C-alpha atoms as a PDB file:
ATOM      1  CA  UNK A   1       0.000   0.000   0.000  1.00  0.00           C
ATOM      2  CA  UNK A   2       1.445   3.369  -1.029  1.00  0.00           C
ATOM      3  CA  UNK A   3       1.815   6.043   1.623  1.00  0.00           C
ATOM      4  CA  UNK A   4       0.058   9.362   1.057  1.00  0.00           C
ATOM      5  CA  UNK A   5       3.424  11.007   0.289  1.00  0.00           C
ATOM      6  CA  UNK A   6       4.280   8.354  -2.313  1.00  0.00           C
ATOM      7  CA  UNK A   7       0.873   8.861  -3.931  1.00  0.00           C
ATOM      8  CA  UNK A   8       1.199  12.645  -4.231  1.00  0.00           C
ATOM      9  CA  UNK A   9       4.813  12.348  -5.294  1.00  0.00           C
ATOM     10  CA  UNK A  10       3.622  10.749  -8.543  1.00  0.00           C
ATOM     11  CA  UNK A  11       1.158  13.508  -9.458  1.00  0.00           C
ATOM     12  CA  UNK A  12       2.081  15.357 -12.653  1.00  0.00           C
ATOM     13  CA  UNK A  13       2.980  19.028 -12.335  1.00  0.00           C
ATOM     14  CA  UNK A  14       0.718  21.785 -13.670  1.00  0.00           C
ATOM     15  CA  UNK A  15       1.960  23.245 -16.951  1.00  0.00           C
ATOM     16  CA  UNK A  16       2.910  26.496 -15.183  1.00  0.00           C
ATOM     17  CA  UNK A  17       5.581  24.703 -13.100  1.00  0.00           C
ATOM     18  CA  UNK A  18       8.730  23.846 -15.083  1.00  0.00           C
ATOM     19  CA  UNK A  19       9.802  20.217 -15.071  1.00  0.00           C
ATOM     20  CA  UNK A  20      13.332  21.377 -14.196  1.00  0.00           C
ATOM     21  CA  UNK A  21      12.199  23.406 -11.162  1.00  0.00           C
ATOM     22  CA  UNK A  22      13.734  22.572  -7.799  1.00  0.00           C
ATOM     23  CA  UNK A  23      12.532  19.189  -6.449  1.00  0.00           C
ATOM     24  CA  UNK A  24      11.240  20.912  -3.284  1.00  0.00           C
ATOM     25  CA  UNK A  25       9.129  23.291  -5.416  1.00  0.00           C
ATOM     26  CA  UNK A  26       7.749  20.259  -7.236  1.00  0.00           C
ATOM     27  CA  UNK A  27       7.100  18.520  -3.943  1.00  0.00           C
ATOM     28  CA  UNK A  28       5.042  21.350  -2.395  1.00  0.00           C
ATOM     29  CA  UNK A  29       3.099  21.796  -5.656  1.00  0.00           C
ATOM     30  CA  UNK A  30       2.326  18.082  -5.789  1.00  0.00           C
ATOM     31  CA  UNK A  31       1.203  18.206  -2.166  1.00  0.00           C
ATOM     32  CA  UNK A  32      -1.168  21.090  -3.041  1.00  0.00           C
ATOM     33  CA  UNK A  33      -2.462  19.094  -6.007  1.00  0.00           C
ATOM     34  CA  UNK A  34      -3.086  16.085  -3.775  1.00  0.00           C
ATOM     35  CA  UNK A  35      -5.527  18.077  -1.620  1.00  0.00           C
ATOM     36  CA  UNK A  36      -7.060  19.925  -4.602  1.00  0.00           C
ATOM     37  CA  UNK A  37     -10.290  17.978  -5.058  1.00  0.00           C
ATOM     38  CA  UNK A  38     -11.881  18.285  -8.466  1.00  0.00           C
ATOM     39  CA  UNK A  39     -12.689  21.876  -9.334  1.00  0.00           C
ATOM     40  CA  UNK A  40     -12.701  23.069  -5.721  1.00  0.00           C
ATOM     41  CA  UNK A  41      -9.599  24.715  -4.339  1.00  0.00           C
ATOM     42  CA  UNK A  42      -8.139  23.204  -1.181  1.00  0.00           C
ATOM     43  CA  UNK A  43      -9.144  24.806   2.104  1.00  0.00           C
ATOM     44  CA  UNK A  44      -6.434  25.975   4.497  1.00  0.00           C
ATOM     45  CA  UNK A  45      -7.824  23.516   7.084  1.00  0.00           C
ATOM     46  CA  UNK A  46      -6.635  20.721   4.802  1.00  0.00           C
ATOM     47  CA  UNK A  47      -3.012  21.810   5.142  1.00  0.00           C
ATOM     48  CA  UNK A  48      -1.107  19.190   7.103  1.00  0.00           C
ATOM     49  CA  UNK A  49       2.397  20.525   7.785  1.00  0.00           C
ATOM     50  CA  UNK A  50       3.481  17.024   8.881  1.00  0.00           C
ATOM     51  CA  UNK A  51       3.357  16.134   5.170  1.00  0.00           C
ATOM     52  CA  UNK A  52       6.185  18.578   4.362  1.00  0.00           C
ATOM     53  CA  UNK A  53       8.044  19.268   7.626  1.00  0.00           C
ATOM     54  CA  UNK A  54      11.404  19.747   5.913  1.00  0.00           C
ATOM     55  CA  UNK A  55       9.952  22.547   3.773  1.00  0.00           C
ATOM     56  CA  UNK A  56       8.439  24.620   6.606  1.00  0.00           C
ATOM     57  CA  UNK A  57      11.410  27.023   6.941  1.00  0.00           C
ATOM     58  CA  UNK A  58      10.673  28.277   3.391  1.00  0.00           C
ATOM     59  CA  UNK A  59       6.896  28.556   3.798  1.00  0.00           C
ATOM     60  CA  UNK A  60       4.908  31.752   4.297  1.00  0.00           C
ATOM     61  CA  UNK A  61       1.130  31.892   4.638  1.00  0.00           C
ATOM     62  CA  UNK A  62      -0.368  35.142   3.391  1.00  0.00           C
ATOM     63  CA  UNK A  63      -3.934  36.262   4.147  1.00  0.00           C
ATOM     64  CA  UNK A  64      -5.832  38.155   1.461  1.00  0.00           C
ATOM     65  CA  UNK A  65      -8.066  41.101   2.309  1.00  0.00           C
ATOM     66  CA  UNK A  66     -10.252  42.524  -0.442  1.00  0.00           C
ATOM     67  CA  UNK A  67     -11.711  45.982  -1.218  1.00  0.00           C
ATOM     68  CA  UNK A  68      -9.007  47.108  -1.618  1.00  0.00           C
ATOM     69  CA  UNK A  69      -6.907  44.006  -2.089  1.00  0.00           C
ATOM     70  CA  UNK A  70      -4.111  43.728   0.490  1.00  0.00           C
ATOM     71  CA  UNK A  71      -1.864  40.956   1.760  1.00  0.00           C
ATOM     72  CA  UNK A  72      -0.836  40.152   5.334  1.00  0.00           C
ATOM     73  CA  UNK A  73       1.670  37.601   6.613  1.00  0.00           C
ATOM     74  CA  UNK A  74      -0.168  34.995   8.708  1.00  0.00           C
ATOM     75  CA  UNK A  75       2.897  32.827   9.270  1.00  0.00           C
ATOM     76  CA  UNK A  76       6.501  32.983   8.105  1.00  0.00           C
ATOM     77  CA  UNK A  77       9.041  30.164   8.126  1.00  0.00           C
ATOM     78  CA  UNK A  78      12.404  30.611   9.804  1.00  0.00           C
ATOM     79  CA  UNK A  79      14.403  30.798   6.547  1.00  0.00           C
ATOM     80  CA  UNK A  80      12.139  33.611   5.377  1.00  0.00           C
ATOM     81  CA  UNK A  81      12.494  35.452   8.700  1.00  0.00           C
ATOM     82  CA  UNK A  82      16.271  35.183   8.388  1.00  0.00           C
ATOM     83  CA  UNK A  83      16.171  36.455   4.803  1.00  0.00           C
ATOM     84  CA  UNK A  84      13.995  39.471   5.689  1.00  0.00           C
ATOM     85  CA  UNK A  85      15.948  40.135   8.891  1.00  0.00           C
ATOM     86  CA  UNK A  86      12.767  40.253  10.949  1.00  0.00           C
ATOM     87  CA  UNK A  87       9.637  38.259  11.735  1.00  0.00           C
ATOM     88  CA  UNK A  88       6.802  40.013   9.913  1.00  0.00           C
ATOM     89  CA  UNK A  89       4.070  37.634  11.072  1.00  0.00           C
ATOM     90  CA  UNK A  90       0.836  39.633  11.365  1.00  0.00           C
ATOM     91  CA  UNK A  91       2.154  42.518   9.227  1.00  0.00           C
ATOM     92  CA  UNK A  92       0.728  43.926   6.003  1.00  0.00           C
ATOM     93  CA  UNK A  93       3.215  43.558   3.159  1.00  0.00           C
ATOM     94  CA  UNK A  94       2.540  47.067   1.863  1.00  0.00           C
ATOM     95  CA  UNK A  95       3.466  48.476   5.287  1.00  0.00           C
ATOM     96  CA  UNK A  96       6.738  46.591   5.824  1.00  0.00           C
ATOM     97  CA  UNK A  97       7.944  46.804   2.212  1.00  0.00           C
ATOM     98  CA  UNK A  98       7.433  50.435   1.174  1.00  0.00           C
ATOM     99  CA  UNK A  99       7.808  49.684  -2.541  1.00  0.00           C
ATOM    100  CA  UNK A 100       5.582  46.555  -2.466  1.00  0.00           C
ATOM    101  CA  UNK A 101       2.873  48.266  -4.560  1.00  0.00           C
ATOM    102  CA  UNK A 102       5.388  48.656  -7.406  1.00  0.00           C
ATOM    103  CA  UNK A 103       6.709  45.080  -7.550  1.00  0.00           C
ATOM    104  CA  UNK A 104       5.769  42.136  -9.705  1.00  0.00           C
ATOM    105  CA  UNK A 105       5.334  40.248  -6.425  1.00  0.00           C
ATOM    106  CA  UNK A 106       2.084  42.166  -5.949  1.00  0.00           C
ATOM    107  CA  UNK A 107       1.057  41.276  -9.508  1.00  0.00           C
ATOM    108  CA  UNK A 108       1.908  37.614  -8.840  1.00  0.00           C
ATOM    109  CA  UNK A 109      -0.130  37.638  -5.610  1.00  0.00           C
ATOM    110  CA  UNK A 110      -3.117  39.167  -7.394  1.00  0.00           C
ATOM    111  CA  UNK A 111      -2.848  36.662 -10.253  1.00  0.00           C
ATOM    112  CA  UNK A 112      -2.855  33.732  -7.820  1.00  0.00           C
ATOM    113  CA  UNK A 113      -5.709  35.217  -5.776  1.00  0.00           C
ATOM    114  CA  UNK A 114      -7.898  35.947  -8.800  1.00  0.00           C
ATOM    115  CA  UNK A 115      -7.132  32.944 -11.002  1.00  0.00           C
ATOM    116  CA  UNK A 116      -6.870  30.350  -8.232  1.00  0.00           C
ATOM    117  CA  UNK A 117      -3.820  28.833  -9.928  1.00  0.00           C
ATOM    118  CA  UNK A 118      -0.238  28.342  -8.774  1.00  0.00           C
ATOM    119  CA  UNK A 119       2.264  30.972  -9.828  1.00  0.00           C
ATOM    120  CA  UNK A 120       5.963  30.155 -10.266  1.00  0.00           C
ATOM    121  CA  UNK A 121       8.942  32.511 -10.521  1.00  0.00           C
ATOM    122  CA  UNK A 122      12.693  32.137 -10.786  1.00  0.00           C
ATOM    123  CA  UNK A 123      15.002  35.134 -10.497  1.00  0.00           C
ATOM    124  CA  UNK A 124      15.997  37.943  -8.192  1.00  0.00           C
ATOM    125  CA  UNK A 125      13.903  38.809  -5.154  1.00  0.00           C
ATOM    126  CA  UNK A 126      11.776  41.900  -5.556  1.00  0.00           C
ATOM    127  CA  UNK A 127      10.889  42.890  -2.004  1.00  0.00           C
ATOM    128  CA  UNK A 128      14.361  43.730  -0.753  1.00  0.00           C
ATOM    129  CA  UNK A 129      16.509  45.730  -3.184  1.00  0.00           C
ATOM    130  CA  UNK A 130      19.563  45.527  -0.958  1.00  0.00           C
ATOM    131  CA  UNK A 131      19.779  41.770  -1.596  1.00  0.00           C
ATOM    132  CA  UNK A 132      19.744  41.900  -5.391  1.00  0.00           C
ATOM    133  CA  UNK A 133      22.716  39.512  -5.528  1.00  0.00           C
ATOM    134  CA  UNK A 134      20.487  36.653  -4.322  1.00  0.00           C
ATOM    135  CA  UNK A 135      18.631  34.263  -6.597  1.00  0.00           C
ATOM    136  CA  UNK A 136      15.312  32.786  -5.559  1.00  0.00           C
ATOM    137  CA  UNK A 137      12.845  30.234  -6.814  1.00  0.00           C
ATOM    138  CA  UNK A 138       9.303  30.553  -5.580  1.00  0.00           C
ATOM    139  CA  UNK A 139       5.765  29.283  -5.986  1.00  0.00           C
ATOM    140  CA  UNK A 140       2.475  30.731  -4.718  1.00  0.00           C
ATOM    141  CA  UNK A 141      -0.348  28.268  -4.074  1.00  0.00           C
ATOM    142  CA  UNK A 142      -3.981  29.375  -3.579  1.00  0.00           C
ATOM    143  CA  UNK A 143      -6.248  28.193  -0.738  1.00  0.00           C
ATOM    144  CA  UNK A 144      -9.752  28.923   0.436  1.00  0.00           C
ATOM    145  CA  UNK A 145     -10.414  29.786   4.077  1.00  0.00           C
ATOM    146  CA  UNK A 146     -13.880  28.317   4.605  1.00  0.00           C
ATOM    147  CA  UNK A 147     -15.438  30.148   1.662  1.00  0.00           C
ATOM    148  CA  UNK A 148     -15.313  29.732  -2.090  1.00  0.00           C
ATOM    149  CA  UNK A 149     -12.774  32.391  -3.071  1.00  0.00           C
ATOM    150  CA  UNK A 150      -9.011  32.407  -2.633  1.00  0.00           C
ATOM    151  CA  UNK A 151      -8.419  33.830   0.856  1.00  0.00           C
ATOM    152  CA  UNK A 152      -4.921  32.523   1.595  1.00  0.00           C
ATOM    153  CA  UNK A 153      -1.700  32.064  -0.341  1.00  0.00           C
ATOM    154  CA  UNK A 154       0.999  29.599   0.591  1.00  0.00           C
ATOM    155  CA  UNK A 155       4.348  30.808  -0.661  1.00  0.00           C
ATOM    156  CA  UNK A 156       7.333  28.489  -0.803  1.00  0.00           C
ATOM    157  CA  UNK A 157      10.685  30.100  -1.529  1.00  0.00           C
ATOM    158  CA  UNK A 158      14.170  28.731  -2.069  1.00  0.00           C
ATOM    159  CA  UNK A 159      16.946  31.314  -1.737  1.00  0.00           C
ATOM    160  CA  UNK A 160      20.463  30.800  -3.058  1.00  0.00           C
END
């Protein structure tokens, strides 16, 4: 009998995630796919961090507020805290990153929130200009929070 992890490890990647992306990116995307039932997005209550313990340092959960659309860190993994130099849990991104409104990160968040599809990016980080020498690989995954719309994003980031 296959374990749950073995079962979701065999799920094919969405076309928006490159086949040559980092194996940990592929792993978290496949986990998301495994709890994505039919046409209904997974609910945040379905997230079982025990399924991806090794990836938690690179995870951030971001709440979505609408009218106007804004994003707030609900939870930030230790690697992300180290990268940002502070723990921004509970903070609005547009308040802690003064140029957030002018980044493609905002566009990526909005895309994921409105389309309900994963969004992948490889390149330089956009929230902290002083660390432009760093490369990152990242995916945003959409979740519901009890309703029908995307209310939460799970971001997984690898920094090198």
